Amino acid sequence: MTDAVEQEKPQELKKSNWGWPGVVATSLAGAVVVVFRGCWHSKMSWPIGVQGYSYQVCLSCGAKRLFDEKTFTAYGPFRYDLNELIAREKPVESKSHSVVDAQRPLV
């Protein structure tokens, strides 16, 4: 009776060995893309306002980017430090004001 049971067992399929190297190669390629490219910043938060500026935060990595509420668009570089973004923005504002002041006639 045990012979009959042993004969009914299906033969085990031979497992191929190419699966794991393929997974490893794919994972390594993905890791290389992440290392060289970084986050794609595809998921951004709603605009947040602080210190008279608006910015968005990447929900994946936490990088911040300034946001213009009038045109409803993000602009400038991505940075992790909000104070650095604001410091970059202040010289641009002061330069634009100095150009306007320079064009005024002296009284």
N, C-alpha and C. Protein backbone atom coordinates (compact mmCIF):
# COMPACT_ATOMS: atom_id res chain seq x y z
N MET A 1 0.82 -1.19 0.00
CA MET A 1 0.00 0.00 0.00
C MET A 1 0.86 1.25 0.00
N THR A 2 1.99 1.22 0.69
CA THR A 2 2.86 2.38 0.69
C THR A 2 3.47 2.62 -0.67
N ASP A 3 3.66 1.55 -1.43
CA ASP A 3 4.19 1.70 -2.78
C ASP A 3 3.24 2.49 -3.66
N ALA A 4 1.94 2.27 -3.49
CA ALA A 4 0.94 2.98 -4.30
C ALA A 4 0.93 4.47 -3.97
N VAL A 5 1.08 4.78 -2.69
CA VAL A 5 1.08 6.19 -2.27
C VAL A 5 2.32 6.89 -2.79
N GLU A 6 3.45 6.22 -2.73
CA GLU A 6 4.68 6.80 -3.21
C GLU A 6 4.65 7.02 -4.71
N GLN A 7 3.97 6.16 -5.43
CA GLN A 7 3.91 6.31 -6.87
C GLN A 7 2.99 7.46 -7.28
N GLU A 8 2.01 7.81 -6.46
CA GLU A 8 1.06 8.86 -6.80
C GLU A 8 1.63 10.26 -6.57
N LYS A 9 2.70 10.39 -5.84
CA LYS A 9 3.30 11.70 -5.59
C LYS A 9 3.78 12.30 -6.91
N PRO A 10 3.43 13.53 -7.18
CA PRO A 10 3.92 14.14 -8.43
C PRO A 10 5.41 14.43 -8.31
N GLN A 11 6.06 14.40 -9.44
CA GLN A 11 7.49 14.70 -9.44
C GLN A 11 7.67 16.19 -9.19
N GLU A 12 8.66 16.50 -8.40
CA GLU A 12 8.95 17.92 -8.13
C GLU A 12 9.56 18.54 -9.38
N LEU A 13 9.07 19.72 -9.69
CA LEU A 13 9.61 20.42 -10.84
C LEU A 13 10.98 20.97 -10.52
N LYS A 14 11.83 20.92 -11.48
CA LYS A 14 13.18 21.45 -11.29
C LYS A 14 13.11 22.98 -11.28
N LYS A 15 13.62 23.58 -10.23
CA LYS A 15 13.60 25.04 -10.11
C LYS A 15 14.74 25.62 -10.94
N SER A 16 14.40 26.67 -11.65
CA SER A 16 15.45 27.31 -12.45
C SER A 16 16.26 28.25 -11.56
N ASN A 17 17.49 28.43 -11.89
CA ASN A 17 18.38 29.26 -11.09
C ASN A 17 18.50 30.69 -11.59
N TRP A 18 17.82 31.06 -12.65
CA TRP A 18 17.97 32.40 -13.21
C TRP A 18 17.13 33.43 -12.47
N GLY A 19 16.19 33.03 -11.65
CA GLY A 19 15.29 33.96 -10.96
C GLY A 19 16.00 34.91 -10.02
N TRP A 20 16.80 34.38 -9.13
CA TRP A 20 17.47 35.23 -8.15
C TRP A 20 18.48 36.19 -8.76
N PRO A 21 19.31 35.77 -9.70
CA PRO A 21 20.21 36.75 -10.32
C PRO A 21 19.45 37.87 -11.03
N GLY A 22 18.31 37.53 -11.63
CA GLY A 22 17.50 38.56 -12.28
C GLY A 22 16.95 39.56 -11.28
N VAL A 23 16.47 39.06 -10.14
CA VAL A 23 15.96 39.94 -9.09
C VAL A 23 17.07 40.82 -8.54
N VAL A 24 18.22 40.22 -8.31
CA VAL A 24 19.35 40.97 -7.78
C VAL A 24 19.80 42.05 -8.77
N ALA A 25 19.87 41.70 -10.05
CA ALA A 25 20.28 42.67 -11.07
C ALA A 25 19.28 43.80 -11.17
N THR A 26 18.00 43.48 -11.11
CA THR A 26 16.97 44.51 -11.15
C THR A 26 17.05 45.41 -9.92
N SER A 27 17.26 44.82 -8.77
CA SER A 27 17.37 45.61 -7.53
C SER A 27 18.60 46.52 -7.58
N LEU A 28 19.70 46.00 -8.08
CA LEU A 28 20.91 46.82 -8.18
C LEU A 28 20.71 47.97 -9.16
N ALA A 29 20.03 47.70 -10.28
CA ALA A 29 19.76 48.77 -11.24
C ALA A 29 18.87 49.83 -10.61
N GLY A 30 17.88 49.41 -9.86
CA GLY A 30 17.01 50.37 -9.17
C GLY A 30 17.77 51.17 -8.14
N ALA A 31 18.66 50.52 -7.42
CA ALA A 31 19.46 51.22 -6.41
C ALA A 31 20.39 52.24 -7.07
N VAL A 32 20.95 51.90 -8.21
CA VAL A 32 21.83 52.83 -8.93
C VAL A 32 21.04 54.05 -9.37
N VAL A 33 19.84 53.85 -9.86
CA VAL A 33 19.00 54.98 -10.28
C VAL A 33 18.70 55.88 -9.09
N VAL A 34 18.37 55.29 -7.96
CA VAL A 34 18.06 56.09 -6.78
C VAL A 34 19.28 56.85 -6.31
N VAL A 35 20.45 56.20 -6.34
CA VAL A 35 21.68 56.87 -5.88
C VAL A 35 22.03 58.04 -6.78
N PHE A 36 21.97 57.84 -8.10
CA PHE A 36 22.37 58.90 -9.02
C PHE A 36 21.27 59.92 -9.25
N ARG A 37 20.02 59.53 -9.20
CA ARG A 37 18.93 60.46 -9.47
C ARG A 37 18.32 60.98 -8.19
N GLY A 38 18.19 60.16 -7.20
CA GLY A 38 17.55 60.57 -5.96
C GLY A 38 16.05 60.45 -6.07
N CYS A 39 15.36 61.20 -5.26
CA CYS A 39 13.90 61.19 -5.23
C CYS A 39 13.36 61.94 -6.45
N TRP A 40 12.26 61.47 -7.00
CA TRP A 40 11.65 62.11 -8.16
C TRP A 40 10.70 63.23 -7.73
N HIS A 41 10.43 63.38 -6.45
CA HIS A 41 9.54 64.41 -5.91
C HIS A 41 8.19 64.40 -6.61
N SER A 42 7.61 63.23 -6.77
CA SER A 42 6.35 63.13 -7.49
C SER A 42 5.14 63.37 -6.59
N LYS A 43 5.31 63.22 -5.29
CA LYS A 43 4.20 63.43 -4.35
C LYS A 43 4.52 64.63 -3.47
N MET A 44 3.90 65.75 -3.79
CA MET A 44 4.15 66.99 -3.03
C MET A 44 2.93 67.33 -2.17
N SER A 45 3.18 67.94 -1.03
CA SER A 45 2.10 68.33 -0.13
C SER A 45 1.38 69.56 -0.67
N TRP A 46 0.30 69.93 -0.01
CA TRP A 46 -0.36 71.19 -0.31
C TRP A 46 0.54 72.31 0.18
N PRO A 47 0.43 73.50 -0.39
CA PRO A 47 1.29 74.61 0.04
C PRO A 47 1.09 74.95 1.52
N ILE A 48 2.20 75.26 2.16
CA ILE A 48 2.21 75.63 3.57
C ILE A 48 2.79 77.04 3.65
N GLY A 49 2.21 77.90 4.45
CA GLY A 49 2.70 79.26 4.58
C GLY A 49 3.41 79.48 5.91
N VAL A 50 4.59 80.13 5.85
CA VAL A 50 5.33 80.48 7.05
C VAL A 50 6.24 81.67 6.73
N GLN A 51 6.37 82.60 7.64
CA GLN A 51 7.26 83.76 7.52
C GLN A 51 7.00 84.55 6.23
N GLY A 52 5.76 84.58 5.77
CA GLY A 52 5.43 85.32 4.56
C GLY A 52 5.77 84.58 3.28
N TYR A 53 6.22 83.35 3.35
CA TYR A 53 6.55 82.53 2.18
C TYR A 53 5.68 81.28 2.19
N SER A 54 5.43 80.76 1.01
CA SER A 54 4.72 79.48 0.89
C SER A 54 5.68 78.46 0.30
N TYR A 55 5.54 77.22 0.73
CA TYR A 55 6.40 76.16 0.22
C TYR A 55 5.64 74.85 0.22
N GLN A 56 6.16 73.88 -0.54
CA GLN A 56 5.63 72.53 -0.57
C GLN A 56 6.70 71.57 -0.05
N VAL A 57 6.27 70.43 0.47
CA VAL A 57 7.18 69.42 0.99
C VAL A 57 6.97 68.12 0.21
N CYS A 58 8.05 67.49 -0.20
CA CYS A 58 7.97 66.18 -0.86
C CYS A 58 7.59 65.15 0.21
N LEU A 59 6.53 64.41 -0.04
CA LEU A 59 6.07 63.44 0.94
C LEU A 59 6.95 62.20 1.01
N SER A 60 7.82 62.00 0.02
CA SER A 60 8.70 60.83 0.02
C SER A 60 10.00 61.10 0.77
N CYS A 61 10.63 62.25 0.51
CA CYS A 61 11.96 62.48 1.08
C CYS A 61 12.02 63.69 2.02
N GLY A 62 11.02 64.57 2.00
CA GLY A 62 11.01 65.70 2.91
C GLY A 62 11.66 66.96 2.38
N ALA A 63 12.07 66.97 1.11
CA ALA A 63 12.67 68.18 0.52
C ALA A 63 11.59 69.24 0.35
N LYS A 64 12.00 70.49 0.49
CA LYS A 64 11.07 71.61 0.40
C LYS A 64 11.35 72.43 -0.85
N ARG A 65 10.29 73.08 -1.37
CA ARG A 65 10.42 73.94 -2.54
C ARG A 65 9.47 75.10 -2.39
N LEU A 66 9.94 76.31 -2.70
CA LEU A 66 9.10 77.48 -2.57
C LEU A 66 7.93 77.40 -3.55
N PHE A 67 6.83 78.07 -3.18
CA PHE A 67 5.59 77.99 -3.95
C PHE A 67 5.01 79.38 -4.11
N ASP A 68 4.60 79.71 -5.34
CA ASP A 68 3.99 81.00 -5.63
C ASP A 68 2.48 80.82 -5.63
N GLU A 69 1.81 81.46 -4.67
CA GLU A 69 0.36 81.30 -4.54
C GLU A 69 -0.40 82.03 -5.64
N LYS A 70 0.18 83.06 -6.23
CA LYS A 70 -0.51 83.81 -7.28
C LYS A 70 -0.65 82.99 -8.55
N THR A 71 0.42 82.32 -8.94
CA THR A 71 0.39 81.50 -10.16
C THR A 71 0.14 80.02 -9.85
N PHE A 72 0.12 79.68 -8.57
CA PHE A 72 -0.09 78.32 -8.08
C PHE A 72 0.92 77.36 -8.70
N THR A 73 2.19 77.76 -8.68
CA THR A 73 3.28 76.91 -9.18
C THR A 73 4.44 76.92 -8.20
N ALA A 74 5.15 75.81 -8.17
CA ALA A 74 6.37 75.73 -7.36
C ALA A 74 7.53 76.25 -8.19
N TYR A 75 8.52 76.84 -7.52
CA TYR A 75 9.68 77.37 -8.23
C TYR A 75 10.92 77.23 -7.36
N GLY A 76 12.07 77.32 -8.00
CA GLY A 76 13.34 77.27 -7.29
C GLY A 76 13.81 75.85 -7.05
N PRO A 77 14.96 75.74 -6.40
CA PRO A 77 15.55 74.41 -6.16
C PRO A 77 14.87 73.69 -4.98
N PHE A 78 15.10 72.40 -4.88
CA PHE A 78 14.66 71.61 -3.73
C PHE A 78 15.75 71.66 -2.68
N ARG A 79 15.39 71.94 -1.44
CA ARG A 79 16.33 71.95 -0.32
C ARG A 79 15.64 71.35 0.90
N TYR A 80 16.43 70.83 1.81
CA TYR A 80 15.87 70.28 3.04
C TYR A 80 15.73 71.34 4.12
N ASP A 81 16.47 72.44 4.00
CA ASP A 81 16.43 73.50 5.00
C ASP A 81 15.60 74.66 4.46
N LEU A 82 14.49 74.95 5.12
CA LEU A 82 13.60 76.03 4.68
C LEU A 82 14.28 77.39 4.81
N ASN A 83 15.06 77.59 5.86
CA ASN A 83 15.75 78.87 6.03
C ASN A 83 16.73 79.14 4.89
N GLU A 84 17.35 78.09 4.36
CA GLU A 84 18.25 78.25 3.21
C GLU A 84 17.47 78.69 1.97
N LEU A 85 16.29 78.14 1.78
CA LEU A 85 15.45 78.55 0.64
C LEU A 85 15.03 80.01 0.77
N ILE A 86 14.64 80.40 1.96
CA ILE A 86 14.21 81.78 2.18
C ILE A 86 15.39 82.72 2.01
N ALA A 87 16.57 82.32 2.48
CA ALA A 87 17.76 83.17 2.33
C ALA A 87 18.12 83.34 0.86
N ARG A 88 17.93 82.30 0.06
CA ARG A 88 18.17 82.41 -1.39
C ARG A 88 17.18 83.35 -2.04
N GLU A 89 15.97 83.38 -1.52
CA GLU A 89 14.91 84.20 -2.11
C GLU A 89 15.06 85.68 -1.77
N LYS A 90 15.56 86.00 -0.58
CA LYS A 90 15.67 87.41 -0.15
C LYS A 90 16.58 88.24 -1.04
N PRO A 91 17.76 87.78 -1.44
CA PRO A 91 18.59 88.59 -2.32
C PRO A 91 17.91 88.88 -3.67
N VAL A 92 17.12 87.95 -4.16
CA VAL A 92 16.41 88.16 -5.42
C VAL A 92 15.41 89.29 -5.26
N GLU A 93 14.70 89.32 -4.13
CA GLU A 93 13.73 90.39 -3.89
C GLU A 93 14.43 91.73 -3.74
N SER A 94 15.53 91.79 -3.00
CA SER A 94 16.22 93.06 -2.78
C SER A 94 16.82 93.59 -4.08
N LYS A 95 17.31 92.69 -4.96
CA LYS A 95 17.84 93.13 -6.24
C LYS A 95 16.74 93.72 -7.10
N SER A 96 15.56 93.10 -7.08
CA SER A 96 14.48 93.62 -7.90
C SER A 96 14.04 94.99 -7.39
N HIS A 97 14.07 95.22 -6.08
CA HIS A 97 13.70 96.52 -5.54
C HIS A 97 14.77 97.56 -5.85
N SER A 98 16.04 97.17 -5.82
CA SER A 98 17.11 98.14 -6.09
C SER A 98 17.09 98.60 -7.54
N VAL A 99 16.68 97.74 -8.45
CA VAL A 99 16.58 98.13 -9.86
C VAL A 99 15.47 99.16 -10.01
N VAL A 100 14.37 98.97 -9.34
CA VAL A 100 13.27 99.93 -9.40
C VAL A 100 13.70 101.26 -8.79
N ASP A 101 14.42 101.23 -7.67
CA ASP A 101 14.90 102.46 -7.03
C ASP A 101 15.89 103.17 -7.90
N ALA A 102 16.74 102.46 -8.65
CA ALA A 102 17.73 103.08 -9.49
C ALA A 102 17.11 103.80 -10.68
N GLN A 103 15.92 103.41 -11.08
CA GLN A 103 15.28 104.03 -12.22
C GLN A 103 14.49 105.28 -11.84
N ARG A 104 14.30 105.48 -10.55
CA ARG A 104 13.57 106.68 -10.11
C ARG A 104 14.44 107.91 -10.31
N PRO A 105 13.86 108.99 -10.78
CA PRO A 105 14.65 110.22 -10.91
C PRO A 105 14.95 110.81 -9.54
N LEU A 106 16.13 111.37 -9.39
CA LEU A 106 16.50 111.99 -8.13
C LEU A 106 15.82 113.34 -8.02
N VAL A 107 15.25 113.65 -6.87
CA VAL A 107 14.54 114.93 -6.69
C VAL A 107 15.36 115.84 -5.83
